[in-house]
Amino acid sequence: MKTTIDLPDDLLRAVKIRAAQQGRTLRELVSEYIASGLATPPGQEQPQRNAVAFPVIPTAADAPLATMTRAQIVAFEHEALTEDDDDAR
């Protein structure tokens, strides 16, 4: 069914961005959000959490980091920080 809804520009923009990031259509995402909102009985709404968004930097699947162990990553970070400290002196 088609309908027209007047949404705030910033809200619509945010939903469009999220749909694009997830490779989904705006219709799919809005339908999911409405269904999710209707699934919660009135008075039992989930308290809104203050989510912390960590920055995500997309990389190629064959990037060296993708094949490194945690120990190798920690060693690499330590080496980079040590070099930064040496450069600061």
PDB file of N, CA and C in Angstrom:
ATOM      1  N   MET A   1       0.845  -1.169   0.000  1.00  0.00           N
ATOM      2  CA  MET A   1       0.000   0.000   0.000  1.00  0.00           C
ATOM      3  C   MET A   1       0.891   1.234   0.000  1.00  0.00           C
ATOM      4  N   LYS A   2       0.505   2.209  -0.749  1.00  0.00           N
ATOM      5  CA  LYS A   2       1.273   3.447  -0.810  1.00  0.00           C
ATOM      6  C   LYS A   2       0.619   4.494   0.074  1.00  0.00           C
ATOM      7  N   THR A   3       1.472   5.299   0.701  1.00  0.00           N
ATOM      8  CA  THR A   3       0.991   6.406   1.522  1.00  0.00           C
ATOM      9  C   THR A   3       2.044   7.501   1.508  1.00  0.00           C
ATOM     10  N   THR A   4       1.680   8.661   1.960  1.00  0.00           N
ATOM     11  CA  THR A   4       2.616   9.775   2.049  1.00  0.00           C
ATOM     12  C   THR A   4       2.770  10.153   3.506  1.00  0.00           C
ATOM     13  N   ILE A   5       4.013  10.255   3.944  1.00  0.00           N
ATOM     14  CA  ILE A   5       4.313  10.640   5.320  1.00  0.00           C
ATOM     15  C   ILE A   5       5.282  11.807   5.267  1.00  0.00           C
ATOM     16  N   ASP A   6       5.003  12.838   6.032  1.00  0.00           N
ATOM     17  CA  ASP A   6       5.878  14.008   6.102  1.00  0.00           C
ATOM     18  C   ASP A   6       6.863  13.796   7.248  1.00  0.00           C
ATOM     19  N   LEU A   7       8.124  13.546   6.916  1.00  0.00           N
ATOM     20  CA  LEU A   7       9.164  13.296   7.916  1.00  0.00           C
ATOM     21  C   LEU A   7      10.137  14.469   7.964  1.00  0.00           C
ATOM     22  N   PRO A   8      10.727  14.714   9.120  1.00  0.00           N
ATOM     23  CA  PRO A   8      11.774  15.740   9.192  1.00  0.00           C
ATOM     24  C   PRO A   8      12.933  15.376   8.256  1.00  0.00           C
ATOM     25  N   ASP A   9      13.513  16.384   7.611  1.00  0.00           N
ATOM     26  CA  ASP A   9      14.589  16.154   6.644  1.00  0.00           C
ATOM     27  C   ASP A   9      15.745  15.357   7.231  1.00  0.00           C
ATOM     28  N   ASP A  10      16.173  15.706   8.456  1.00  0.00           N
ATOM     29  CA  ASP A  10      17.325  15.019   9.040  1.00  0.00           C
ATOM     30  C   ASP A  10      17.017  13.557   9.336  1.00  0.00           C
ATOM     31  N   LEU A  11      15.779  13.242   9.713  1.00  0.00           N
ATOM     32  CA  LEU A  11      15.398  11.859   9.986  1.00  0.00           C
ATOM     33  C   LEU A  11      15.390  11.047   8.695  1.00  0.00           C
ATOM     34  N   LEU A  12      14.795  11.595   7.653  1.00  0.00           N
ATOM     35  CA  LEU A  12      14.755  10.898   6.370  1.00  0.00           C
ATOM     36  C   LEU A  12      16.167  10.684   5.831  1.00  0.00           C
ATOM     37  N   ARG A  13      17.010  11.700   5.952  1.00  0.00           N
ATOM     38  CA  ARG A  13      18.391  11.588   5.486  1.00  0.00           C
ATOM     39  C   ARG A  13      19.113  10.461   6.230  1.00  0.00           C
ATOM     40  N   ALA A  14      18.923  10.385   7.547  1.00  0.00           N
ATOM     41  CA  ALA A  14      19.587   9.350   8.348  1.00  0.00           C
ATOM     42  C   ALA A  14      19.121   7.951   7.946  1.00  0.00           C
ATOM     43  N   VAL A  15      17.826   7.798   7.689  1.00  0.00           N
ATOM     44  CA  VAL A  15      17.305   6.484   7.285  1.00  0.00           C
ATOM     45  C   VAL A  15      17.814   6.119   5.894  1.00  0.00           C
ATOM     46  N   LYS A  16      17.880   7.083   4.989  1.00  0.00           N
ATOM     47  CA  LYS A  16      18.402   6.813   3.646  1.00  0.00           C
ATOM     48  C   LYS A  16      19.866   6.380   3.709  1.00  0.00           C
ATOM     49  N   ILE A  17      20.633   7.047   4.551  1.00  0.00           N
ATOM     50  CA  ILE A  17      22.053   6.693   4.692  1.00  0.00           C
ATOM     51  C   ILE A  17      22.183   5.280   5.236  1.00  0.00           C
ATOM     52  N   ARG A  18      21.413   4.967   6.278  1.00  0.00           N
ATOM     53  CA  ARG A  18      21.495   3.630   6.869  1.00  0.00           C
ATOM     54  C   ARG A  18      21.073   2.562   5.864  1.00  0.00           C
ATOM     55  N   ALA A  19      20.040   2.831   5.089  1.00  0.00           N
ATOM     56  CA  ALA A  19      19.593   1.876   4.075  1.00  0.00           C
ATOM     57  C   ALA A  19      20.700   1.632   3.053  1.00  0.00           C
ATOM     58  N   ALA A  20      21.356   2.697   2.621  1.00  0.00           N
ATOM     59  CA  ALA A  20      22.452   2.557   1.654  1.00  0.00           C
ATOM     60  C   ALA A  20      23.610   1.777   2.255  1.00  0.00           C
ATOM     61  N   GLN A  21      23.939   2.053   3.519  1.00  0.00           N
ATOM     62  CA  GLN A  21      25.039   1.343   4.176  1.00  0.00           C
ATOM     63  C   GLN A  21      24.748  -0.148   4.283  1.00  0.00           C
ATOM     64  N   GLN A  22      23.486  -0.491   4.479  1.00  0.00           N
ATOM     65  CA  GLN A  22      23.105  -1.894   4.643  1.00  0.00           C
ATOM     66  C   GLN A  22      22.737  -2.554   3.317  1.00  0.00           C
ATOM     67  N   GLY A  23      22.775  -1.787   2.227  1.00  0.00           N
ATOM     68  CA  GLY A  23      22.438  -2.346   0.916  1.00  0.00           C
ATOM     69  C   GLY A  23      20.964  -2.729   0.821  1.00  0.00           C
ATOM     70  N   ARG A  24      20.115  -1.966   1.488  1.00  0.00           N
ATOM     71  CA  ARG A  24      18.686  -2.254   1.513  1.00  0.00           C
ATOM     72  C   ARG A  24      17.929  -1.062   0.949  1.00  0.00           C
ATOM     73  N   THR A  25      16.663  -1.285   0.647  1.00  0.00           N
ATOM     74  CA  THR A  25      15.854  -0.178   0.156  1.00  0.00           C
ATOM     75  C   THR A  25      15.295   0.610   1.333  1.00  0.00           C
ATOM     76  N   LEU A  26      14.938   1.844   1.048  1.00  0.00           N
ATOM     77  CA  LEU A  26      14.319   2.691   2.066  1.00  0.00           C
ATOM     78  C   LEU A  26      13.016   2.049   2.542  1.00  0.00           C
ATOM     79  N   ARG A  27      12.267   1.498   1.613  1.00  0.00           N
ATOM     80  CA  ARG A  27      10.999   0.835   1.951  1.00  0.00           C
ATOM     81  C   ARG A  27      11.221  -0.311   2.938  1.00  0.00           C
ATOM     82  N   GLU A  28      12.231  -1.143   2.686  1.00  0.00           N
ATOM     83  CA  GLU A  28      12.512  -2.271   3.588  1.00  0.00           C
ATOM     84  C   GLU A  28      12.839  -1.789   4.995  1.00  0.00           C
ATOM     85  N   LEU A  29      13.706  -0.791   5.081  1.00  0.00           N
ATOM     86  CA  LEU A  29      14.162  -0.329   6.383  1.00  0.00           C
ATOM     87  C   LEU A  29      13.043   0.360   7.161  1.00  0.00           C
ATOM     88  N   VAL A  30      12.279   1.212   6.492  1.00  0.00           N
ATOM     89  CA  VAL A  30      11.174   1.891   7.174  1.00  0.00           C
ATOM     90  C   VAL A  30      10.133   0.869   7.625  1.00  0.00           C
ATOM     91  N   SER A  31       9.843  -0.121   6.784  1.00  0.00           N
ATOM     92  CA  SER A  31       8.892  -1.172   7.163  1.00  0.00           C
ATOM     93  C   SER A  31       9.378  -1.925   8.395  1.00  0.00           C
ATOM     94  N   GLU A  32      10.673  -2.231   8.429  1.00  0.00           N
ATOM     95  CA  GLU A  32      11.245  -2.936   9.582  1.00  0.00           C
ATOM     96  C   GLU A  32      11.128  -2.086  10.850  1.00  0.00           C
ATOM     97  N   TYR A  33      11.434  -0.806  10.738  1.00  0.00           N
ATOM     98  CA  TYR A  33      11.357   0.083  11.903  1.00  0.00           C
ATOM     99  C   TYR A  33       9.918   0.204  12.419  1.00  0.00           C
ATOM    100  N   ILE A  34       8.963   0.322  11.515  1.00  0.00           N
ATOM    101  CA  ILE A  34       7.566   0.433  11.940  1.00  0.00           C
ATOM    102  C   ILE A  34       7.114  -0.870  12.589  1.00  0.00           C
ATOM    103  N   ALA A  35       7.442  -2.009  11.974  1.00  0.00           N
ATOM    104  CA  ALA A  35       7.061  -3.306  12.547  1.00  0.00           C
ATOM    105  C   ALA A  35       7.684  -3.496  13.920  1.00  0.00           C
ATOM    106  N   SER A  36       8.934  -3.088  14.063  1.00  0.00           N
ATOM    107  CA  SER A  36       9.618  -3.205  15.352  1.00  0.00           C
ATOM    108  C   SER A  36       8.928  -2.346  16.408  1.00  0.00           C
ATOM    109  N   GLY A  37       8.542  -1.145  16.029  1.00  0.00           N
ATOM    110  CA  GLY A  37       7.847  -0.258  16.960  1.00  0.00           C
ATOM    111  C   GLY A  37       6.491  -0.801  17.361  1.00  0.00           C
ATOM    112  N   LEU A  38       5.798  -1.433  16.427  1.00  0.00           N
ATOM    113  CA  LEU A  38       4.482  -1.989  16.726  1.00  0.00           C
ATOM    114  C   LEU A  38       4.565  -3.296  17.508  1.00  0.00           C
ATOM    115  N   ALA A  39       5.701  -3.976  17.458  1.00  0.00           N
ATOM    116  CA  ALA A  39       5.855  -5.254  18.156  1.00  0.00           C
ATOM    117  C   ALA A  39       5.968  -5.078  19.663  1.00  0.00           C
ATOM    118  N   THR A  40       6.347  -3.900  20.110  1.00  0.00           N
ATOM    119  CA  THR A  40       6.491  -3.633  21.540  1.00  0.00           C
ATOM    120  C   THR A  40       5.159  -3.124  22.081  1.00  0.00           C
ATOM    121  N   PRO A  41       4.569  -3.848  23.043  1.00  0.00           N
ATOM    122  CA  PRO A  41       3.290  -3.395  23.606  1.00  0.00           C
ATOM    123  C   PRO A  41       3.423  -2.016  24.254  1.00  0.00           C
ATOM    124  N   PRO A  42       2.384  -1.196  24.159  1.00  0.00           N
ATOM    125  CA  PRO A  42       2.429   0.135  24.782  1.00  0.00           C
ATOM    126  C   PRO A  42       2.763   0.031  26.270  1.00  0.00           C
ATOM    127  N   GLY A  43       3.606   0.932  26.727  1.00  0.00           N
ATOM    128  CA  GLY A  43       4.007   0.933  28.131  1.00  0.00           C
ATOM    129  C   GLY A  43       5.206   0.054  28.413  1.00  0.00           C
ATOM    130  N   GLN A  44       5.624  -0.750  27.446  1.00  0.00           N
ATOM    131  CA  GLN A  44       6.777  -1.628  27.642  1.00  0.00           C
ATOM    132  C   GLN A  44       7.910  -1.273  26.689  1.00  0.00           C
ATOM    133  N   GLU A  45       7.950  -0.026  26.282  1.00  0.00           N
ATOM    134  CA  GLU A  45       8.997   0.402  25.360  1.00  0.00           C
ATOM    135  C   GLU A  45      10.365   0.214  26.001  1.00  0.00           C
ATOM    136  N   GLN A  46      11.304  -0.155  25.188  1.00  0.00           N
ATOM    137  CA  GLN A  46      12.680  -0.318  25.647  1.00  0.00           C
ATOM    138  C   GLN A  46      13.257   1.059  25.944  1.00  0.00           C
ATOM    139  N   PRO A  47      13.966   1.214  27.060  1.00  0.00           N
ATOM    140  CA  PRO A  47      14.624   2.506  27.297  1.00  0.00           C
ATOM    141  C   PRO A  47      15.680   2.744  26.224  1.00  0.00           C
ATOM    142  N   GLN A  48      15.771   3.970  25.788  1.00  0.00           N
ATOM    143  CA  GLN A  48      16.741   4.297  24.748  1.00  0.00           C
ATOM    144  C   GLN A  48      18.148   4.241  25.320  1.00  0.00           C
ATOM    145  N   ARG A  49      19.006   3.501  24.649  1.00  0.00           N
ATOM    146  CA  ARG A  49      20.387   3.388  25.098  1.00  0.00           C
ATOM    147  C   ARG A  49      21.228   4.453  24.425  1.00  0.00           C
ATOM    148  N   ASN A  50      22.204   4.925  25.148  1.00  0.00           N
ATOM    149  CA  ASN A  50      23.160   5.867  24.573  1.00  0.00           C
ATOM    150  C   ASN A  50      24.284   5.055  23.953  1.00  0.00           C
ATOM    151  N   ALA A  51      24.101   4.696  22.710  1.00  0.00           N
ATOM    152  CA  ALA A  51      25.091   3.877  22.024  1.00  0.00           C
ATOM    153  C   ALA A  51      26.310   4.718  21.665  1.00  0.00           C
ATOM    154  N   VAL A  52      27.456   4.100  21.776  1.00  0.00           N
ATOM    155  CA  VAL A  52      28.700   4.743  21.385  1.00  0.00           C
ATOM    156  C   VAL A  52      29.065   4.197  20.013  1.00  0.00           C
ATOM    157  N   ALA A  53      29.218   5.083  19.075  1.00  0.00           N
ATOM    158  CA  ALA A  53      29.573   4.659  17.728  1.00  0.00           C
ATOM    159  C   ALA A  53      31.083   4.753  17.558  1.00  0.00           C
ATOM    160  N   PHE A  54      31.698   3.619  17.335  1.00  0.00           N
ATOM    161  CA  PHE A  54      33.131   3.600  17.092  1.00  0.00           C
ATOM    162  C   PHE A  54      33.375   3.816  15.608  1.00  0.00           C
ATOM    163  N   PRO A  55      34.419   4.543  15.272  1.00  0.00           N
ATOM    164  CA  PRO A  55      34.682   4.765  13.855  1.00  0.00           C
ATOM    165  C   PRO A  55      35.063   3.461  13.161  1.00  0.00           C
ATOM    166  N   VAL A  56      34.524   3.267  11.992  1.00  0.00           N
ATOM    167  CA  VAL A  56      34.829   2.085  11.198  1.00  0.00           C
ATOM    168  C   VAL A  56      35.448   2.567   9.900  1.00  0.00           C
ATOM    169  N   ILE A  57      36.618   2.029   9.594  1.00  0.00           N
ATOM    170  CA  ILE A  57      37.313   2.408   8.377  1.00  0.00           C
ATOM    171  C   ILE A  57      37.337   1.192   7.462  1.00  0.00           C
ATOM    172  N   PRO A  58      36.562   1.223   6.382  1.00  0.00           N
ATOM    173  CA  PRO A  58      36.530   0.075   5.485  1.00  0.00           C
ATOM    174  C   PRO A  58      37.888  -0.130   4.812  1.00  0.00           C
ATOM    175  N   THR A  59      38.280  -1.375   4.672  1.00  0.00           N
ATOM    176  CA  THR A  59      39.537  -1.707   4.000  1.00  0.00           C
ATOM    177  C   THR A  59      39.285  -2.823   2.997  1.00  0.00           C
ATOM    178  N   ALA A  60      40.245  -3.043   2.151  1.00  0.00           N
ATOM    179  CA  ALA A  60      40.146  -4.128   1.184  1.00  0.00           C
ATOM    180  C   ALA A  60      40.215  -5.465   1.916  1.00  0.00           C
ATOM    181  N   ALA A  61      39.567  -6.473   1.359  1.00  0.00           N
ATOM    182  CA  ALA A  61      39.546  -7.795   1.989  1.00  0.00           C
ATOM    183  C   ALA A  61      40.949  -8.379   2.118  1.00  0.00           C
ATOM    184  N   ASP A  62      41.854  -7.985   1.217  1.00  0.00           N
ATOM    185  CA  ASP A  62      43.212  -8.529   1.263  1.00  0.00           C
ATOM    186  C   ASP A  62      44.189  -7.607   1.993  1.00  0.00           C
ATOM    187  N   ALA A  63      43.668  -6.670   2.787  1.00  0.00           N
ATOM    188  CA  ALA A  63      44.539  -5.774   3.558  1.00  0.00           C
ATOM    189  C   ALA A  63      45.335  -6.597   4.568  1.00  0.00           C
ATOM    190  N   PRO A  64      46.595  -6.223   4.837  1.00  0.00           N
ATOM    191  CA  PRO A  64      47.428  -7.001   5.760  1.00  0.00           C
ATOM    192  C   PRO A  64      46.777  -7.230   7.118  1.00  0.00           C
ATOM    193  N   LEU A  65      46.039  -6.264   7.601  1.00  0.00           N
ATOM    194  CA  LEU A  65      45.411  -6.384   8.912  1.00  0.00           C
ATOM    195  C   LEU A  65      44.427  -7.550   8.965  1.00  0.00           C
ATOM    196  N   ALA A  66      43.808  -7.876   7.847  1.00  0.00           N
ATOM    197  CA  ALA A  66      42.809  -8.941   7.811  1.00  0.00           C
ATOM    198  C   ALA A  66      43.402 -10.306   8.127  1.00  0.00           C
ATOM    199  N   THR A  67      44.694 -10.467   7.902  1.00  0.00           N
ATOM    200  CA  THR A  67      45.321 -11.772   8.136  1.00  0.00           C
ATOM    201  C   THR A  67      46.216 -11.792   9.367  1.00  0.00           C
ATOM    202  N   MET A  68      46.301 -10.668  10.074  1.00  0.00           N
ATOM    203  CA  MET A  68      47.187 -10.594  11.240  1.00  0.00           C
ATOM    204  C   MET A  68      46.496 -11.150  12.483  1.00  0.00           C
ATOM    205  N   THR A  69      47.290 -11.750  13.364  1.00  0.00           N
ATOM    206  CA  THR A  69      46.769 -12.215  14.642  1.00  0.00           C
ATOM    207  C   THR A  69      46.665 -11.029  15.591  1.00  0.00           C
ATOM    208  N   ARG A  70      45.969 -11.219  16.702  1.00  0.00           N
ATOM    209  CA  ARG A  70      45.867 -10.134  17.682  1.00  0.00           C
ATOM    210  C   ARG A  70      47.246  -9.732  18.185  1.00  0.00           C
ATOM    211  N   ALA A  71      48.092 -10.717  18.437  1.00  0.00           N
ATOM    212  CA  ALA A  71      49.442 -10.423  18.929  1.00  0.00           C
ATOM    213  C   ALA A  71      50.215  -9.583  17.912  1.00  0.00           C
ATOM    214  N   GLN A  72      50.080  -9.903  16.634  1.00  0.00           N
ATOM    215  CA  GLN A  72      50.767  -9.134  15.598  1.00  0.00           C
ATOM    216  C   GLN A  72      50.220  -7.704  15.528  1.00  0.00           C
ATOM    217  N   ILE A  73      48.915  -7.553  15.694  1.00  0.00           N
ATOM    218  CA  ILE A  73      48.310  -6.220  15.660  1.00  0.00           C
ATOM    219  C   ILE A  73      48.805  -5.391  16.834  1.00  0.00           C
ATOM    220  N   VAL A  74      48.826  -5.996  18.032  1.00  0.00           N
ATOM    221  CA  VAL A  74      49.303  -5.284  19.222  1.00  0.00           C
ATOM    222  C   VAL A  74      50.764  -4.884  19.041  1.00  0.00           C
ATOM    223  N   ALA A  75      51.590  -5.796  18.511  1.00  0.00           N
ATOM    224  CA  ALA A  75      53.001  -5.494  18.286  1.00  0.00           C
ATOM    225  C   ALA A  75      53.148  -4.356  17.272  1.00  0.00           C
ATOM    226  N   PHE A  76      52.336  -4.383  16.230  1.00  0.00           N
ATOM    227  CA  PHE A  76      52.373  -3.330  15.216  1.00  0.00           C
ATOM    228  C   PHE A  76      51.997  -1.978  15.824  1.00  0.00           C
ATOM    229  N   GLU A  77      50.922  -1.961  16.636  1.00  0.00           N
ATOM    230  CA  GLU A  77      50.503  -0.716  17.285  1.00  0.00           C
ATOM    231  C   GLU A  77      51.589  -0.208  18.230  1.00  0.00           C
ATOM    232  N   HIS A  78      52.190  -1.126  18.986  1.00  0.00           N
ATOM    233  CA  HIS A  78      53.250  -0.743  19.920  1.00  0.00           C
ATOM    234  C   HIS A  78      54.425  -0.120  19.161  1.00  0.00           C
ATOM    235  N   GLU A  79      54.793  -0.744  18.056  1.00  0.00           N
ATOM    236  CA  GLU A  79      55.901  -0.236  17.242  1.00  0.00           C
ATOM    237  C   GLU A  79      55.577   1.161  16.702  1.00  0.00           C
ATOM    238  N   ALA A  80      54.347   1.342  16.231  1.00  0.00           N
ATOM    239  CA  ALA A  80      53.948   2.645  15.690  1.00  0.00           C
ATOM    240  C   ALA A  80      53.961   3.712  16.776  1.00  0.00           C
ATOM    241  N   LEU A  81      53.484   3.374  17.967  1.00  0.00           N
ATOM    242  CA  LEU A  81      53.481   4.338  19.071  1.00  0.00           C
ATOM    243  C   LEU A  81      54.899   4.673  19.510  1.00  0.00           C
ATOM    244  N   THR A  82      55.766   3.680  19.522  1.00  0.00           N
ATOM    245  CA  THR A  82      57.161   3.902  19.896  1.00  0.00           C
ATOM    246  C   THR A  82      57.825   4.836  18.890  1.00  0.00           C
ATOM    247  N   GLU A  83      57.547   4.623  17.598  1.00  0.00           N
ATOM    248  CA  GLU A  83      58.104   5.501  16.566  1.00  0.00           C
ATOM    249  C   GLU A  83      57.591   6.922  16.744  1.00  0.00           C
ATOM    250  N   ASP A  84      56.304   7.071  17.070  1.00  0.00           N
ATOM    251  CA  ASP A  84      55.742   8.406  17.302  1.00  0.00           C
ATOM    252  C   ASP A  84      56.427   9.077  18.479  1.00  0.00           C
ATOM    253  N   ASP A  85      56.686   8.306  19.541  1.00  0.00           N
ATOM    254  CA  ASP A  85      57.368   8.856  20.715  1.00  0.00           C
ATOM    255  C   ASP A  85      58.782   9.300  20.352  1.00  0.00           C
ATOM    256  N   ASP A  86      59.478   8.479  19.559  1.00  0.00           N
ATOM    257  CA  ASP A  86      60.841   8.818  19.148  1.00  0.00           C
ATOM    258  C   ASP A  86      60.852  10.075  18.279  1.00  0.00           C
ATOM    259  N   ASP A  87      59.857  10.205  17.405  1.00  0.00           N
ATOM    260  CA  ASP A  87      59.775  11.378  16.530  1.00  0.00           C
ATOM    261  C   ASP A  87      59.489  12.650  17.327  1.00  0.00           C
ATOM    262  N   ALA A  88      58.794  12.510  18.440  1.00  0.00           N
ATOM    263  CA  ALA A  88      58.427  13.668  19.256  1.00  0.00           C
ATOM    264  C   ALA A  88      59.614  14.215  20.043  1.00  0.00           C
ATOM    265  N   ARG A  89      60.640  13.439  20.185  1.00  0.00           N
ATOM    266  CA  ARG A  89      61.807  13.872  20.981  1.00  0.00           C
ATOM    267  C   ARG A  89      62.708  14.765  20.201  1.00  0.00           C
TER     268      ARG A  89
END
